[in-house]
Amino acid sequence: MKYSIGEFASILGITADTLRLYEKHDIVRPVKGCHNNYRYFDDLDARNLLSSRWYRSMQIPLQDVAELVTDAPSERVVESIAAAREQLEEEIRRSTLLLQKVSEIHRELMDIGDYLYRCRIRQAPGMYRIPQTNKNQLLQQDNLRPAVQEWMELLPFTFYSFRIADSRELGGSGELDYTWGLALLEEDRQKLGIEVSGSAEYMKPCTCISAVIEISYEEYIGQESFQFMLDYAREHRYTVTGDIYGKILFTERSCEQNRTFLEINIPI
């Protein structure tokens, strides 16, 4: 039996545009009427289209589906379904990792009030970092761009981190020498299976004094903003053993002001 494109699409529960796409991939092969230029489909086209939709429901690419419907031995069908299964497993793995990371970020934001200007001792994980600024001015270094582009695709596993150079020599009221850059926790690098380029710094795991501070959006990081942490270290007879570093937790924006919450870590 012959069916017009509109009738055929309606019977099979698809759109005419979808039908034209399948025709383009030679999955269905309508014939033109003898007395007009209308295209007509038959029952074999319906069978091929339904088989194709079955394959597509498993997220097999349409180009591969076209081959499976027109010319494919059973081994090729089994291989294609196995490949689709592996792809779905990887997507589920990445989605699970993303859910875990989003949950971790949510917990951090919920806990900001508990650690705002309050010191605690914690074990900080190792992380990799790509410097992108000198203070707040972007660096123009071509060798960093490929790694930065790759790491931008890894957000929110990557995050914006600062590092204060020679922080063990802090003192006085001089301007701090620090950089901003993208960072990636070592444990997340392992989970994602990411290779780290030579342009990335490595900061090993450490015991640190940690706290959350608040600064205005345009403000430079100054020693006065975390002096209470240095006082805490001195009071408890801790020695600073590495560069002070931290990250942006989030920026709150309002009509009155924009303020950024930073996590500060001082290795001891």
Protein backbone atom coordinates (compact mmCIF):
# COMPACT_ATOMS: atom_id res chain seq x y z
CA MET A 1 0.00 0.00 0.00
CA LYS A 2 1.20 3.51 -0.80
CA TYR A 3 1.10 6.43 1.63
CA SER A 4 1.67 10.17 1.14
CA ILE A 5 4.36 11.81 3.29
CA GLY A 6 1.81 13.44 5.62
CA GLU A 7 -0.24 10.26 5.99
CA PHE A 8 2.85 8.10 6.49
CA ALA A 9 4.32 10.43 9.12
CA SER A 10 1.01 10.60 10.99
CA ILE A 11 0.57 6.81 11.07
CA LEU A 12 4.10 6.28 12.44
CA GLY A 13 3.91 9.14 14.94
CA ILE A 14 6.78 11.21 13.56
CA THR A 15 7.08 14.58 11.88
CA ALA A 16 7.43 15.11 8.15
CA ASP A 17 10.83 16.75 8.79
CA THR A 18 12.05 13.62 10.57
CA LEU A 19 10.82 11.53 7.66
CA ARG A 20 12.73 13.71 5.22
CA LEU A 21 15.87 13.30 7.31
CA TYR A 22 15.56 9.51 7.18
CA GLU A 23 14.97 9.75 3.46
CA LYS A 24 18.16 11.80 3.12
CA HIS A 25 20.09 8.94 4.77
CA ASP A 26 18.50 6.44 2.37
CA ILE A 27 16.70 4.61 5.19
CA VAL A 28 13.35 5.06 3.48
CA ARG A 29 13.03 5.23 -0.31
CA PRO A 30 9.79 6.81 -1.51
CA VAL A 31 8.77 6.59 -5.17
CA LYS A 32 7.20 9.37 -7.20
CA GLY A 33 3.66 9.02 -8.44
CA CYS A 34 3.07 8.38 -12.12
CA HIS A 35 0.83 11.41 -12.59
CA ASN A 36 2.43 13.89 -10.16
CA ASN A 37 5.67 14.61 -8.31
CA TYR A 38 4.34 13.48 -4.94
CA ARG A 39 6.46 10.95 -3.06
CA TYR A 40 4.80 7.81 -1.74
CA PHE A 41 5.98 5.39 0.95
CA ASP A 42 5.15 1.72 1.39
CA ASP A 43 5.02 -0.87 4.18
CA LEU A 44 8.68 -1.82 3.72
CA ASP A 45 9.62 1.80 4.37
CA ALA A 46 7.59 1.61 7.58
CA ARG A 47 9.49 -1.47 8.67
CA ASN A 48 12.86 0.16 7.95
CA LEU A 49 11.87 3.34 9.71
CA LEU A 50 10.67 1.53 12.82
CA SER A 51 13.89 -0.49 12.92
CA SER A 52 15.86 2.74 12.60
CA ARG A 53 13.95 4.40 15.42
CA TRP A 54 14.69 1.36 17.58
CA TYR A 55 18.42 1.73 16.94
CA ARG A 56 18.26 5.51 17.49
CA SER A 57 16.49 4.96 20.82
CA MET A 58 19.77 3.42 22.01
CA GLN A 59 21.57 6.61 20.89
CA ILE A 60 23.33 4.96 17.98
CA PRO A 61 24.32 7.73 15.51
CA LEU A 62 21.98 8.12 12.56
CA GLN A 63 24.76 7.52 10.04
CA ASP A 64 25.50 4.16 11.69
CA VAL A 65 21.79 3.38 11.83
CA ALA A 66 21.55 3.85 8.07
CA GLU A 67 24.21 1.19 7.59
CA LEU A 68 22.55 -1.18 10.06
CA VAL A 69 19.21 -0.94 8.27
CA THR A 70 20.48 -1.18 4.70
CA ASP A 71 23.41 -3.60 4.93
CA ALA A 72 24.80 -5.05 8.16
CA PRO A 73 25.48 -8.62 9.32
CA SER A 74 24.43 -9.66 12.80
CA GLU A 75 27.97 -9.15 14.12
CA ARG A 76 27.84 -5.49 13.09
CA VAL A 77 24.50 -5.04 14.88
CA VAL A 78 25.88 -6.57 18.08
CA GLU A 79 29.02 -4.39 17.88
CA SER A 80 26.98 -1.22 17.40
CA ILE A 81 24.76 -1.95 20.39
CA ALA A 82 27.82 -2.79 22.50
CA ALA A 83 29.41 0.53 21.50
CA ALA A 84 26.19 2.36 22.41
CA ARG A 85 26.19 0.64 25.80
CA GLU A 86 29.80 1.67 26.46
CA GLN A 87 29.01 5.27 25.46
CA LEU A 88 26.04 5.36 27.83
CA GLU A 89 28.11 3.89 30.65
CA GLU A 90 30.70 6.65 30.18
CA GLU A 91 28.00 9.33 30.10
CA ILE A 92 26.51 7.95 33.31
CA ARG A 93 29.96 7.89 34.92
CA ARG A 94 30.59 11.53 33.98
CA SER A 95 27.09 12.56 35.09
CA THR A 96 27.64 10.80 38.42
CA LEU A 97 30.94 12.64 38.89
CA LEU A 98 29.22 15.91 37.98
CA LEU A 99 26.44 15.26 40.50
CA GLN A 100 29.04 14.57 43.20
CA LYS A 101 30.90 17.79 42.34
CA VAL A 102 27.72 19.90 42.31
CA SER A 103 26.76 18.41 45.69
CA GLU A 104 30.24 19.24 47.02
CA ILE A 105 29.95 22.85 45.80
CA HIS A 106 26.49 23.12 47.34
CA ARG A 107 27.82 21.93 50.71
CA GLU A 108 30.65 24.48 50.53
CA LEU A 109 28.23 27.32 49.92
CA MET A 110 25.90 26.15 52.68
CA ASP A 111 28.86 26.09 55.13
CA ILE A 112 30.16 29.59 54.31
CA GLY A 113 28.50 31.09 57.39
CA ASP A 114 30.24 28.56 59.66
CA TYR A 115 33.73 29.47 58.41
CA LEU A 116 33.39 33.20 57.66
CA TYR A 117 36.35 34.77 59.49
CA ARG A 118 36.67 31.62 61.60
CA CYS A 119 39.85 29.55 61.50
CA ARG A 120 39.96 25.79 61.33
CA ILE A 121 42.67 23.21 60.72
CA ARG A 122 42.10 20.92 57.75
CA GLN A 123 43.92 18.62 55.35
CA ALA A 124 43.96 20.28 51.94
CA PRO A 125 44.19 17.95 48.91
CA GLY A 126 46.84 18.25 46.23
CA MET A 127 45.96 20.31 43.18
CA TYR A 128 47.25 21.49 39.82
CA ARG A 129 47.05 25.11 38.77
CA ILE A 130 47.56 27.20 35.62
CA PRO A 131 48.46 30.87 36.37
CA GLN A 132 46.47 33.28 34.20
CA THR A 133 46.97 36.70 35.77
CA ASN A 134 49.45 38.94 37.52
CA LYS A 135 47.21 40.20 40.30
CA ASN A 136 44.06 40.98 38.30
CA GLN A 137 45.73 41.60 34.92
CA LEU A 138 45.53 38.79 32.37
CA LEU A 139 48.80 37.24 31.21
CA GLN A 140 49.45 37.21 27.48
CA GLN A 141 51.22 33.85 27.16
CA ASP A 142 50.47 31.78 24.08
CA ASN A 143 51.88 28.61 25.65
CA LEU A 144 49.14 28.66 28.30
CA ARG A 145 46.19 28.96 25.93
CA PRO A 146 45.75 25.28 24.90
CA ALA A 147 45.75 24.12 28.53
CA VAL A 148 43.41 26.95 29.58
CA GLN A 149 40.97 26.09 26.78
CA GLU A 150 41.00 22.42 27.81
CA TRP A 151 40.48 23.24 31.48
CA MET A 152 37.64 25.67 30.73
CA GLU A 153 35.79 22.67 29.31
CA LEU A 154 36.25 20.89 32.65
CA LEU A 155 34.26 23.44 34.69
CA PRO A 156 32.94 23.01 37.40
CA PHE A 157 35.67 20.47 38.21
CA THR A 158 38.14 23.29 37.61
CA PHE A 159 37.84 26.48 39.64
CA TYR A 160 39.46 29.90 40.02
CA SER A 161 42.33 29.90 42.48
CA PHE A 162 44.88 32.47 43.67
CA ARG A 163 48.39 31.92 44.99
CA ILE A 164 50.46 34.43 46.96
CA ALA A 165 54.15 34.09 46.14
CA ASP A 166 56.75 34.17 48.95
CA SER A 167 53.98 34.24 51.54
CA ARG A 168 56.37 33.00 54.24
CA GLU A 169 58.02 36.44 54.03
CA LEU A 170 54.81 38.36 54.74
CA GLY A 171 55.10 41.51 56.76
CA GLY A 172 54.50 45.19 56.52
CA SER A 173 51.85 46.86 54.39
CA GLY A 174 53.35 46.34 50.93
CA GLU A 175 51.30 45.05 48.02
CA LEU A 176 51.10 41.27 47.76
CA ASP A 177 52.51 39.42 44.77
CA TYR A 178 49.83 36.96 43.68
CA THR A 179 48.33 35.32 40.61
CA TRP A 180 44.92 34.00 39.66
CA GLY A 181 44.42 30.89 37.59
CA LEU A 182 42.39 27.77 36.88
CA ALA A 183 42.94 24.91 39.30
CA LEU A 184 42.05 21.22 39.36
CA LEU A 185 42.15 18.97 42.40
CA GLU A 186 44.45 15.97 42.05
CA GLU A 187 41.64 13.57 42.98
CA ASP A 188 39.38 15.05 40.28
CA ARG A 189 42.17 14.78 37.71
CA GLN A 190 42.42 11.09 38.49
CA LYS A 191 38.66 10.54 38.33
CA LEU A 192 38.40 12.35 34.99
CA GLY A 193 41.50 10.70 33.56
CA ILE A 194 43.03 14.06 32.58
CA GLU A 195 46.67 14.42 31.56
CA VAL A 196 48.21 17.59 33.02
CA SER A 197 50.48 19.70 30.80
CA GLY A 198 53.88 20.95 31.88
CA SER A 199 52.53 24.51 32.18
CA ALA A 200 50.56 23.55 35.31
CA GLU A 201 51.91 24.08 38.82
CA TYR A 202 51.52 21.31 41.35
CA MET A 203 50.63 22.07 44.95
CA LYS A 204 51.05 19.05 47.18
CA PRO A 205 48.57 18.04 49.92
CA CYS A 206 49.15 19.88 53.18
CA THR A 207 47.82 20.69 56.62
CA CYS A 208 46.57 24.25 56.64
CA ILE A 209 44.68 26.92 58.50
CA SER A 210 41.54 27.58 56.48
CA ALA A 211 38.87 30.27 56.66
CA VAL A 212 36.43 32.17 54.44
CA ILE A 213 36.75 35.91 53.92
CA GLU A 214 34.71 38.50 52.05
CA ILE A 215 36.10 41.22 49.77
CA SER A 216 34.55 43.63 47.30
CA TYR A 217 34.47 42.50 43.66
CA GLU A 218 37.06 45.05 42.49
CA GLU A 219 39.30 44.78 45.56
CA TYR A 220 42.86 43.45 45.47
CA ILE A 221 43.75 40.77 47.98
CA GLY A 222 45.64 42.39 50.84
CA GLN A 223 47.34 40.95 53.91
CA GLU A 224 44.91 42.81 56.15
CA SER A 225 42.06 40.66 54.78
CA PHE A 226 43.54 37.48 56.29
CA GLN A 227 45.72 38.92 59.06
CA PHE A 228 43.44 37.27 61.61
CA MET A 229 44.62 33.90 60.26
CA LEU A 230 48.28 34.85 60.64
CA ASP A 231 47.50 35.97 64.18
CA TYR A 232 45.83 32.62 64.81
CA ALA A 233 48.94 30.80 63.55
CA ARG A 234 51.20 32.88 65.79
CA GLU A 235 48.94 32.41 68.80
CA HIS A 236 48.95 28.64 68.37
CA ARG A 237 52.68 28.54 67.51
CA TYR A 238 52.19 27.29 63.96
CA THR A 239 54.84 27.97 61.32
CA VAL A 240 53.79 28.92 57.81
CA THR A 241 55.40 26.33 55.52
CA GLY A 242 54.25 27.26 52.02
CA ASP A 243 52.52 29.78 49.80
CA ILE A 244 49.10 31.00 50.87
CA TYR A 245 46.44 30.08 48.33
CA GLY A 246 42.69 29.87 47.96
CA LYS A 247 39.74 30.05 45.64
CA ILE A 248 36.59 31.92 44.76
CA LEU A 249 33.55 30.30 46.33
CA PHE A 250 31.07 32.63 44.67
CA THR A 251 30.28 36.30 44.06
CA GLU A 252 27.11 37.83 45.42
CA ARG A 253 25.76 40.59 43.19
CA SER A 254 23.23 43.23 44.17
CA CYS A 255 22.27 46.81 43.33
CA GLU A 256 24.20 48.08 46.35
CA GLN A 257 27.46 46.15 45.99
CA ASN A 258 29.16 43.05 44.63
CA ARG A 259 31.08 40.97 47.13
CA THR A 260 33.20 37.88 46.64
CA PHE A 261 33.65 35.08 49.17
CA LEU A 262 37.11 33.54 49.15
CA GLU A 263 38.46 30.44 50.82
CA ILE A 264 41.95 31.13 52.22
CA ASN A 265 44.41 28.33 53.02
CA ILE A 266 47.68 28.85 54.91
CA PRO A 267 49.97 25.76 54.93
CA ILE A 268 51.46 25.11 58.37
